[in-house]
mmCIF file of all heavy atoms, coordinates in Angstrom:
data_MODEL
# 
_entry.id   MODEL 
# 
loop_
_atom_site.group_PDB 
_atom_site.id 
_atom_site.type_symbol 
_atom_site.label_atom_id 
_atom_site.label_alt_id 
_atom_site.label_comp_id 
_atom_site.label_asym_id 
_atom_site.label_entity_id 
_atom_site.label_seq_id 
_atom_site.pdbx_PDB_ins_code 
_atom_site.Cartn_x 
_atom_site.Cartn_y 
_atom_site.Cartn_z 
_atom_site.occupancy 
_atom_site.B_iso_or_equiv 
_atom_site.pdbx_formal_charge 
_atom_site.auth_seq_id 
_atom_site.auth_comp_id 
_atom_site.auth_asym_id 
_atom_site.auth_atom_id 
_atom_site.pdbx_PDB_model_num 
ATOM 1   N N   . ALA A 1 1  ? 6.148  3.746  4.593  1.00 0.00 ? 1  ALA A N   1 
ATOM 2   C CA  . ALA A 1 1  ? 5.077  3.225  3.904  1.00 0.00 ? 1  ALA A CA  1 
ATOM 3   C C   . ALA A 1 1  ? 4.071  4.149  3.392  1.00 0.00 ? 1  ALA A C   1 
ATOM 4   O O   . ALA A 1 1  ? 4.028  5.244  3.902  1.00 0.00 ? 1  ALA A O   1 
ATOM 5   C CB  . ALA A 1 1  ? 4.380  2.268  4.844  1.00 0.00 ? 1  ALA A CB  1 
ATOM 6   N N   . PRO A 1 2  ? 3.359  3.886  2.455  1.00 0.00 ? 2  PRO A N   1 
ATOM 7   C CA  . PRO A 1 2  ? 2.316  4.814  1.950  1.00 0.00 ? 2  PRO A CA  1 
ATOM 8   C C   . PRO A 1 2  ? 1.445  5.317  2.949  1.00 0.00 ? 2  PRO A C   1 
ATOM 9   O O   . PRO A 1 2  ? 0.723  4.553  3.655  1.00 0.00 ? 2  PRO A O   1 
ATOM 10  C CB  . PRO A 1 2  ? 1.558  4.075  0.771  1.00 0.00 ? 2  PRO A CB  1 
ATOM 11  C CG  . PRO A 1 2  ? 2.490  2.956  0.388  1.00 0.00 ? 2  PRO A CG  1 
ATOM 12  C CD  . PRO A 1 2  ? 3.277  2.635  1.572  1.00 0.00 ? 2  PRO A CD  1 
ATOM 13  N N   . GLY A 1 3  ? 1.152  6.623  3.116  1.00 0.00 ? 3  GLY A N   1 
ATOM 14  C CA  . GLY A 1 3  ? 0.284  7.384  4.024  1.00 0.00 ? 3  GLY A CA  1 
ATOM 15  C C   . GLY A 1 3  ? 0.836  7.368  5.386  1.00 0.00 ? 3  GLY A C   1 
ATOM 16  O O   . GLY A 1 3  ? 0.093  7.715  6.243  1.00 0.00 ? 3  GLY A O   1 
ATOM 17  N N   . LYS A 1 4  ? 2.186  6.949  5.595  1.00 0.00 ? 4  LYS A N   1 
ATOM 18  C CA  . LYS A 1 4  ? 2.644  6.837  6.938  1.00 0.00 ? 4  LYS A CA  1 
ATOM 19  C C   . LYS A 1 4  ? 3.857  7.782  7.075  1.00 0.00 ? 4  LYS A C   1 
ATOM 20  O O   . LYS A 1 4  ? 4.475  8.136  6.035  1.00 0.00 ? 4  LYS A O   1 
ATOM 21  C CB  . LYS A 1 4  ? 2.983  5.508  7.330  1.00 0.00 ? 4  LYS A CB  1 
ATOM 22  C CG  . LYS A 1 4  ? 1.719  4.518  7.330  1.00 0.00 ? 4  LYS A CG  1 
ATOM 23  C CD  . LYS A 1 4  ? 2.197  3.034  7.783  1.00 0.00 ? 4  LYS A CD  1 
ATOM 24  C CE  . LYS A 1 4  ? 2.641  3.220  9.344  1.00 0.00 ? 4  LYS A CE  1 
ATOM 25  N NZ  . LYS A 1 4  ? 2.825  1.781  9.808  1.00 0.00 ? 4  LYS A NZ  1 
ATOM 26  N N   . GLU A 1 5  ? 4.264  8.030  8.202  1.00 0.00 ? 5  GLU A N   1 
ATOM 27  C CA  . GLU A 1 5  ? 5.448  8.888  8.464  1.00 0.00 ? 5  GLU A CA  1 
ATOM 28  C C   . GLU A 1 5  ? 6.753  8.076  8.259  1.00 0.00 ? 5  GLU A C   1 
ATOM 29  O O   . GLU A 1 5  ? 6.643  6.735  8.523  1.00 0.00 ? 5  GLU A O   1 
ATOM 30  C CB  . GLU A 1 5  ? 5.436  9.464  9.834  1.00 0.00 ? 5  GLU A CB  1 
ATOM 31  C CG  . GLU A 1 5  ? 4.343  10.514 10.081 1.00 0.00 ? 5  GLU A CG  1 
ATOM 32  C CD  . GLU A 1 5  ? 4.608  11.908 9.196  1.00 0.00 ? 5  GLU A CD  1 
ATOM 33  O OE1 . GLU A 1 5  ? 5.755  12.203 9.186  1.00 0.00 ? 5  GLU A OE1 1 
ATOM 34  O OE2 . GLU A 1 5  ? 3.563  12.293 8.656  1.00 0.00 ? 5  GLU A OE2 1 
ATOM 35  N N   . ARG A 1 6  ? 7.761  8.680  8.032  1.00 0.00 ? 6  ARG A N   1 
ATOM 36  C CA  . ARG A 1 6  ? 9.098  7.964  7.925  1.00 0.00 ? 6  ARG A CA  1 
ATOM 37  C C   . ARG A 1 6  ? 9.433  7.540  9.261  1.00 0.00 ? 6  ARG A C   1 
ATOM 38  O O   . ARG A 1 6  ? 9.524  8.268  10.259 1.00 0.00 ? 6  ARG A O   1 
ATOM 39  C CB  . ARG A 1 6  ? 10.091 8.831  7.243  1.00 0.00 ? 6  ARG A CB  1 
ATOM 40  C CG  . ARG A 1 6  ? 11.435 8.126  6.961  1.00 0.00 ? 6  ARG A CG  1 
ATOM 41  C CD  . ARG A 1 6  ? 12.343 8.978  6.033  1.00 0.00 ? 6  ARG A CD  1 
ATOM 42  N NE  . ARG A 1 6  ? 11.615 9.375  4.797  1.00 0.00 ? 6  ARG A NE  1 
ATOM 43  C CZ  . ARG A 1 6  ? 12.216 10.127 3.709  1.00 0.00 ? 6  ARG A CZ  1 
ATOM 44  N NH1 . ARG A 1 6  ? 13.550 10.479 3.947  1.00 0.00 ? 6  ARG A NH1 1 
ATOM 45  N NH2 . ARG A 1 6  ? 11.654 10.379 2.631  1.00 0.00 ? 6  ARG A NH2 1 
ATOM 46  N N   . GLU A 1 7  ? 9.831  6.255  9.310  1.00 0.00 ? 7  GLU A N   1 
ATOM 47  C CA  . GLU A 1 7  ? 10.105 5.710  10.747 1.00 0.00 ? 7  GLU A CA  1 
ATOM 48  C C   . GLU A 1 7  ? 11.528 5.081  10.756 1.00 0.00 ? 7  GLU A C   1 
ATOM 49  O O   . GLU A 1 7  ? 12.031 4.613  9.795  1.00 0.00 ? 7  GLU A O   1 
ATOM 50  C CB  . GLU A 1 7  ? 9.192  4.747  11.136 1.00 0.00 ? 7  GLU A CB  1 
ATOM 51  C CG  . GLU A 1 7  ? 9.136  3.377  10.342 1.00 0.00 ? 7  GLU A CG  1 
ATOM 52  C CD  . GLU A 1 7  ? 8.138  2.463  10.853 1.00 0.00 ? 7  GLU A CD  1 
ATOM 53  O OE1 . GLU A 1 7  ? 7.363  2.659  11.834 1.00 0.00 ? 7  GLU A OE1 1 
ATOM 54  O OE2 . GLU A 1 7  ? 8.032  1.299  10.179 1.00 0.00 ? 7  GLU A OE2 1 
ATOM 55  N N   . PHE A 1 8  ? 12.088 5.210  11.965 1.00 0.00 ? 8  PHE A N   1 
ATOM 56  C CA  . PHE A 1 8  ? 13.495 4.589  12.171 1.00 0.00 ? 8  PHE A CA  1 
ATOM 57  C C   . PHE A 1 8  ? 13.466 2.997  12.085 1.00 0.00 ? 8  PHE A C   1 
ATOM 58  O O   . PHE A 1 8  ? 12.609 2.404  12.595 1.00 0.00 ? 8  PHE A O   1 
ATOM 59  C CB  . PHE A 1 8  ? 13.848 4.978  13.602 1.00 0.00 ? 8  PHE A CB  1 
ATOM 60  C CG  . PHE A 1 8  ? 15.039 4.179  14.104 1.00 0.00 ? 8  PHE A CG  1 
ATOM 61  C CD1 . PHE A 1 8  ? 16.360 4.637  13.482 1.00 0.00 ? 8  PHE A CD1 1 
ATOM 62  C CD2 . PHE A 1 8  ? 15.001 3.361  15.130 1.00 0.00 ? 8  PHE A CD2 1 
ATOM 63  C CE1 . PHE A 1 8  ? 17.506 3.970  13.910 1.00 0.00 ? 8  PHE A CE1 1 
ATOM 64  C CE2 . PHE A 1 8  ? 16.154 2.645  15.521 1.00 0.00 ? 8  PHE A CE2 1 
ATOM 65  C CZ  . PHE A 1 8  ? 17.425 2.976  15.083 1.00 0.00 ? 8  PHE A CZ  1 
ATOM 66  N N   . VAL A 1 9  ? 14.492 2.565  11.442 1.00 0.00 ? 9  VAL A N   1 
ATOM 67  C CA  . VAL A 1 9  ? 14.731 1.182  11.248 1.00 0.00 ? 9  VAL A CA  1 
ATOM 68  C C   . VAL A 1 9  ? 15.965 0.626  12.067 1.00 0.00 ? 9  VAL A C   1 
ATOM 69  O O   . VAL A 1 9  ? 15.735 -0.301 13.050 1.00 0.00 ? 9  VAL A O   1 
ATOM 70  C CB  . VAL A 1 9  ? 14.738 0.692  9.924  1.00 0.00 ? 9  VAL A CB  1 
ATOM 71  C CG1 . VAL A 1 9  ? 15.065 -0.962 9.805  1.00 0.00 ? 9  VAL A CG1 1 
ATOM 72  C CG2 . VAL A 1 9  ? 13.462 1.012  9.008  1.00 0.00 ? 9  VAL A CG2 1 
ATOM 73  N N   . ALA A 1 10 ? 17.005 1.135  11.731 1.00 0.00 ? 10 ALA A N   1 
ATOM 74  C CA  . ALA A 1 10 ? 18.392 0.761  12.333 1.00 0.00 ? 10 ALA A CA  1 
ATOM 75  C C   . ALA A 1 10 ? 19.363 1.844  12.165 1.00 0.00 ? 10 ALA A C   1 
ATOM 76  O O   . ALA A 1 10 ? 19.278 2.619  11.278 1.00 0.00 ? 10 ALA A O   1 
ATOM 77  C CB  . ALA A 1 10 ? 18.791 -0.610 11.712 1.00 0.00 ? 10 ALA A CB  1 
ATOM 78  N N   . SER A 1 11 ? 20.382 1.703  12.990 1.00 0.00 ? 11 SER A N   1 
ATOM 79  C CA  . SER A 1 11 ? 21.493 2.660  12.848 1.00 0.00 ? 11 SER A CA  1 
ATOM 80  C C   . SER A 1 11 ? 22.723 2.181  13.421 1.00 0.00 ? 11 SER A C   1 
ATOM 81  O O   . SER A 1 11 ? 22.809 1.259  14.158 1.00 0.00 ? 11 SER A O   1 
ATOM 82  C CB  . SER A 1 11 ? 21.073 4.114  13.617 1.00 0.00 ? 11 SER A CB  1 
ATOM 83  O OG  . SER A 1 11 ? 20.829 3.863  15.025 1.00 0.00 ? 11 SER A OG  1 
ATOM 84  N N   . VAL A 1 12 ? 23.874 2.717  13.031 1.00 0.00 ? 12 VAL A N   1 
ATOM 85  C CA  . VAL A 1 12 ? 25.117 2.231  13.430 1.00 0.00 ? 12 VAL A CA  1 
ATOM 86  C C   . VAL A 1 12 ? 26.071 3.511  13.638 1.00 0.00 ? 12 VAL A C   1 
ATOM 87  O O   . VAL A 1 12 ? 25.969 4.391  12.899 1.00 0.00 ? 12 VAL A O   1 
ATOM 88  C CB  . VAL A 1 12 ? 25.708 1.327  12.448 1.00 0.00 ? 12 VAL A CB  1 
ATOM 89  C CG1 . VAL A 1 12 ? 25.884 2.062  11.105 1.00 0.00 ? 12 VAL A CG1 1 
ATOM 90  C CG2 . VAL A 1 12 ? 27.183 0.822  12.822 1.00 0.00 ? 12 VAL A CG2 1 
ATOM 91  N N   . SER A 1 13 ? 26.945 3.526  14.652 1.00 0.00 ? 13 SER A N   1 
ATOM 92  C CA  . SER A 1 13 ? 27.866 4.606  14.846 1.00 0.00 ? 13 SER A CA  1 
ATOM 93  C C   . SER A 1 13 ? 29.026 4.711  13.861 1.00 0.00 ? 13 SER A C   1 
ATOM 94  O O   . SER A 1 13 ? 29.140 3.676  12.963 1.00 0.00 ? 13 SER A O   1 
ATOM 95  C CB  . SER A 1 13 ? 28.429 4.434  16.295 1.00 0.00 ? 13 SER A CB  1 
ATOM 96  O OG  . SER A 1 13 ? 29.191 3.303  16.362 1.00 0.00 ? 13 SER A OG  1 
ATOM 97  N N   . TRP A 1 14 ? 29.744 5.734  13.911 1.00 0.00 ? 14 TRP A N   1 
ATOM 98  C CA  . TRP A 1 14 ? 30.803 5.888  12.843 1.00 0.00 ? 14 TRP A CA  1 
ATOM 99  C C   . TRP A 1 14 ? 31.802 4.726  12.914 1.00 0.00 ? 14 TRP A C   1 
ATOM 100 O O   . TRP A 1 14 ? 32.396 4.406  11.985 1.00 0.00 ? 14 TRP A O   1 
ATOM 101 C CB  . TRP A 1 14 ? 31.357 7.217  12.929 1.00 0.00 ? 14 TRP A CB  1 
ATOM 102 C CG  . TRP A 1 14 ? 32.020 7.630  14.253 1.00 0.00 ? 14 TRP A CG  1 
ATOM 103 C CD1 . TRP A 1 14 ? 32.417 6.726  15.255 1.00 0.00 ? 14 TRP A CD1 1 
ATOM 104 C CD2 . TRP A 1 14 ? 32.179 9.019  14.868 1.00 0.00 ? 14 TRP A CD2 1 
ATOM 105 N NE1 . TRP A 1 14 ? 32.987 7.511  16.264 1.00 0.00 ? 14 TRP A NE1 1 
ATOM 106 C CE2 . TRP A 1 14 ? 32.756 8.799  15.994 1.00 0.00 ? 14 TRP A CE2 1 
ATOM 107 C CE3 . TRP A 1 14 ? 31.976 10.178 14.265 1.00 0.00 ? 14 TRP A CE3 1 
ATOM 108 C CZ2 . TRP A 1 14 ? 33.197 9.946  16.786 1.00 0.00 ? 14 TRP A CZ2 1 
ATOM 109 C CZ3 . TRP A 1 14 ? 32.359 11.348 14.955 1.00 0.00 ? 14 TRP A CZ3 1 
ATOM 110 C CH2 . TRP A 1 14 ? 32.897 11.112 16.297 1.00 0.00 ? 14 TRP A CH2 1 
ATOM 111 N N   . SER A 1 15 ? 31.965 4.149  14.007 1.00 0.00 ? 15 SER A N   1 
ATOM 112 C CA  . SER A 1 15 ? 33.059 3.182  14.193 1.00 0.00 ? 15 SER A CA  1 
ATOM 113 C C   . SER A 1 15 ? 32.517 1.693  13.858 1.00 0.00 ? 15 SER A C   1 
ATOM 114 O O   . SER A 1 15 ? 33.290 0.765  13.738 1.00 0.00 ? 15 SER A O   1 
ATOM 115 C CB  . SER A 1 15 ? 33.595 3.035  15.628 1.00 0.00 ? 15 SER A CB  1 
ATOM 116 O OG  . SER A 1 15 ? 32.633 2.717  16.583 1.00 0.00 ? 15 SER A OG  1 
ATOM 117 N N   . GLY A 1 16 ? 31.136 1.628  13.835 1.00 0.00 ? 16 GLY A N   1 
ATOM 118 C CA  . GLY A 1 16 ? 30.510 0.347  13.645 1.00 0.00 ? 16 GLY A CA  1 
ATOM 119 C C   . GLY A 1 16 ? 30.263 -0.397 14.925 1.00 0.00 ? 16 GLY A C   1 
ATOM 120 O O   . GLY A 1 16 ? 29.843 -1.565 14.885 1.00 0.00 ? 16 GLY A O   1 
ATOM 121 N N   . SER A 1 17 ? 30.849 0.151  16.069 1.00 0.00 ? 17 SER A N   1 
ATOM 122 C CA  . SER A 1 17 ? 30.792 -0.593 17.407 1.00 0.00 ? 17 SER A CA  1 
ATOM 123 C C   . SER A 1 17 ? 29.560 -0.603 18.095 1.00 0.00 ? 17 SER A C   1 
ATOM 124 O O   . SER A 1 17 ? 29.199 -1.480 18.864 1.00 0.00 ? 17 SER A O   1 
ATOM 125 C CB  . SER A 1 17 ? 31.930 -0.164 18.221 1.00 0.00 ? 17 SER A CB  1 
ATOM 126 O OG  . SER A 1 17 ? 31.689 1.207  18.523 1.00 0.00 ? 17 SER A OG  1 
ATOM 127 N N   . SER A 1 18 ? 28.716 0.392  17.637 1.00 0.00 ? 18 SER A N   1 
ATOM 128 C CA  . SER A 1 18 ? 27.335 0.421  18.359 1.00 0.00 ? 18 SER A CA  1 
ATOM 129 C C   . SER A 1 18 ? 26.208 0.588  17.303 1.00 0.00 ? 18 SER A C   1 
ATOM 130 O O   . SER A 1 18 ? 26.351 1.186  16.343 1.00 0.00 ? 18 SER A O   1 
ATOM 131 C CB  . SER A 1 18 ? 27.318 1.866  19.182 1.00 0.00 ? 18 SER A CB  1 
ATOM 132 O OG  . SER A 1 18 ? 28.273 1.718  20.158 1.00 0.00 ? 18 SER A OG  1 
ATOM 133 N N   . THR A 1 19 ? 25.167 -0.185 17.580 1.00 0.00 ? 19 THR A N   1 
ATOM 134 C CA  . THR A 1 19 ? 24.050 -0.172 16.753 1.00 0.00 ? 19 THR A CA  1 
ATOM 135 C C   . THR A 1 19 ? 22.640 -0.041 17.604 1.00 0.00 ? 19 THR A C   1 
ATOM 136 O O   . THR A 1 19 ? 22.678 -0.218 18.810 1.00 0.00 ? 19 THR A O   1 
ATOM 137 C CB  . THR A 1 19 ? 23.927 -1.628 16.030 1.00 0.00 ? 19 THR A CB  1 
ATOM 138 O OG1 . THR A 1 19 ? 23.859 -2.670 16.963 1.00 0.00 ? 19 THR A OG1 1 
ATOM 139 C CG2 . THR A 1 19 ? 25.231 -1.819 15.087 1.00 0.00 ? 19 THR A CG2 1 
ATOM 140 N N   . ASP A 1 20 ? 21.486 0.183  16.909 1.00 0.00 ? 20 ASP A N   1 
ATOM 141 C CA  . ASP A 1 20 ? 20.364 0.365  17.506 1.00 0.00 ? 20 ASP A CA  1 
ATOM 142 C C   . ASP A 1 20 ? 19.254 -0.143 16.442 1.00 0.00 ? 20 ASP A C   1 
ATOM 143 O O   . ASP A 1 20 ? 19.459 0.136  15.270 1.00 0.00 ? 20 ASP A O   1 
ATOM 144 C CB  . ASP A 1 20 ? 20.085 1.734  17.889 1.00 0.00 ? 20 ASP A CB  1 
ATOM 145 C CG  . ASP A 1 20 ? 18.808 1.963  18.887 1.00 0.00 ? 20 ASP A CG  1 
ATOM 146 O OD1 . ASP A 1 20 ? 18.470 0.937  19.409 1.00 0.00 ? 20 ASP A OD1 1 
ATOM 147 O OD2 . ASP A 1 20 ? 18.419 3.053  19.009 1.00 0.00 ? 20 ASP A OD2 1 
ATOM 148 N N   . TYR A 1 21 ? 18.264 -0.548 16.951 1.00 0.00 ? 21 TYR A N   1 
ATOM 149 C CA  . TYR A 1 21 ? 17.171 -1.153 16.094 1.00 0.00 ? 21 TYR A CA  1 
ATOM 150 C C   . TYR A 1 21 ? 15.750 -0.839 16.665 1.00 0.00 ? 21 TYR A C   1 
ATOM 151 O O   . TYR A 1 21 ? 15.622 -0.730 17.806 1.00 0.00 ? 21 TYR A O   1 
ATOM 152 C CB  . TYR A 1 21 ? 17.241 -2.559 15.921 1.00 0.00 ? 21 TYR A CB  1 
ATOM 153 C CG  . TYR A 1 21 ? 18.537 -3.132 15.414 1.00 0.00 ? 21 TYR A CG  1 
ATOM 154 C CD1 . TYR A 1 21 ? 19.630 -3.514 16.141 1.00 0.00 ? 21 TYR A CD1 1 
ATOM 155 C CD2 . TYR A 1 21 ? 18.618 -3.408 14.013 1.00 0.00 ? 21 TYR A CD2 1 
ATOM 156 C CE1 . TYR A 1 21 ? 20.849 -3.985 15.557 1.00 0.00 ? 21 TYR A CE1 1 
ATOM 157 C CE2 . TYR A 1 21 ? 19.755 -3.908 13.371 1.00 0.00 ? 21 TYR A CE2 1 
ATOM 158 C CZ  . TYR A 1 21 ? 20.880 -4.060 14.198 1.00 0.00 ? 21 TYR A CZ  1 
ATOM 159 O OH  . TYR A 1 21 ? 22.183 -4.529 13.656 1.00 0.00 ? 21 TYR A OH  1 
ATOM 160 N N   . ALA A 1 22 ? 14.929 -0.645 15.728 1.00 0.00 ? 22 ALA A N   1 
ATOM 161 C CA  . ALA A 1 22 ? 13.494 -0.425 16.144 1.00 0.00 ? 22 ALA A CA  1 
ATOM 162 C C   . ALA A 1 22 ? 12.997 -1.834 16.690 1.00 0.00 ? 22 ALA A C   1 
ATOM 163 O O   . ALA A 1 22 ? 13.539 -2.864 16.200 1.00 0.00 ? 22 ALA A O   1 
ATOM 164 C CB  . ALA A 1 22 ? 12.666 -0.010 14.935 1.00 0.00 ? 22 ALA A CB  1 
ATOM 165 N N   . ASP A 1 23 ? 12.151 -1.672 17.661 1.00 0.00 ? 23 ASP A N   1 
ATOM 166 C CA  . ASP A 1 23 ? 11.577 -2.940 18.250 1.00 0.00 ? 23 ASP A CA  1 
ATOM 167 C C   . ASP A 1 23 ? 10.848 -3.913 17.159 1.00 0.00 ? 23 ASP A C   1 
ATOM 168 O O   . ASP A 1 23 ? 11.035 -5.162 17.287 1.00 0.00 ? 23 ASP A O   1 
ATOM 169 C CB  . ASP A 1 23 ? 10.529 -2.669 19.249 1.00 0.00 ? 23 ASP A CB  1 
ATOM 170 C CG  . ASP A 1 23 ? 11.222 -2.061 20.523 1.00 0.00 ? 23 ASP A CG  1 
ATOM 171 O OD1 . ASP A 1 23 ? 12.536 -2.250 20.764 1.00 0.00 ? 23 ASP A OD1 1 
ATOM 172 O OD2 . ASP A 1 23 ? 10.464 -1.529 21.318 1.00 0.00 ? 23 ASP A OD2 1 
ATOM 173 N N   . SER A 1 24 ? 10.358 -3.301 16.286 1.00 0.00 ? 24 SER A N   1 
ATOM 174 C CA  . SER A 1 24 ? 9.772  -4.064 15.131 1.00 0.00 ? 24 SER A CA  1 
ATOM 175 C C   . SER A 1 24 ? 10.597 -4.961 14.265 1.00 0.00 ? 24 SER A C   1 
ATOM 176 O O   . SER A 1 24 ? 10.149 -5.911 13.579 1.00 0.00 ? 24 SER A O   1 
ATOM 177 C CB  . SER A 1 24 ? 8.853  -3.054 14.327 1.00 0.00 ? 24 SER A CB  1 
ATOM 178 O OG  . SER A 1 24 ? 9.663  -2.210 13.717 1.00 0.00 ? 24 SER A OG  1 
ATOM 179 N N   . VAL A 1 25 ? 11.936 -4.542 14.254 1.00 0.00 ? 25 VAL A N   1 
ATOM 180 C CA  . VAL A 1 25 ? 12.782 -5.360 13.344 1.00 0.00 ? 25 VAL A CA  1 
ATOM 181 C C   . VAL A 1 25 ? 13.990 -6.007 14.195 1.00 0.00 ? 25 VAL A C   1 
ATOM 182 O O   . VAL A 1 25 ? 14.711 -6.702 13.565 1.00 0.00 ? 25 VAL A O   1 
ATOM 183 C CB  . VAL A 1 25 ? 13.534 -4.387 12.363 1.00 0.00 ? 25 VAL A CB  1 
ATOM 184 C CG1 . VAL A 1 25 ? 12.414 -3.631 11.502 1.00 0.00 ? 25 VAL A CG1 1 
ATOM 185 C CG2 . VAL A 1 25 ? 14.450 -3.448 13.045 1.00 0.00 ? 25 VAL A CG2 1 
# 
């Protein structure tokens, strides 16, 4: 967001079997 640092939202492993999310989303 403007004036803020880049923050993590979501991610997925190469196989698609594992995911992670920021608490906010």
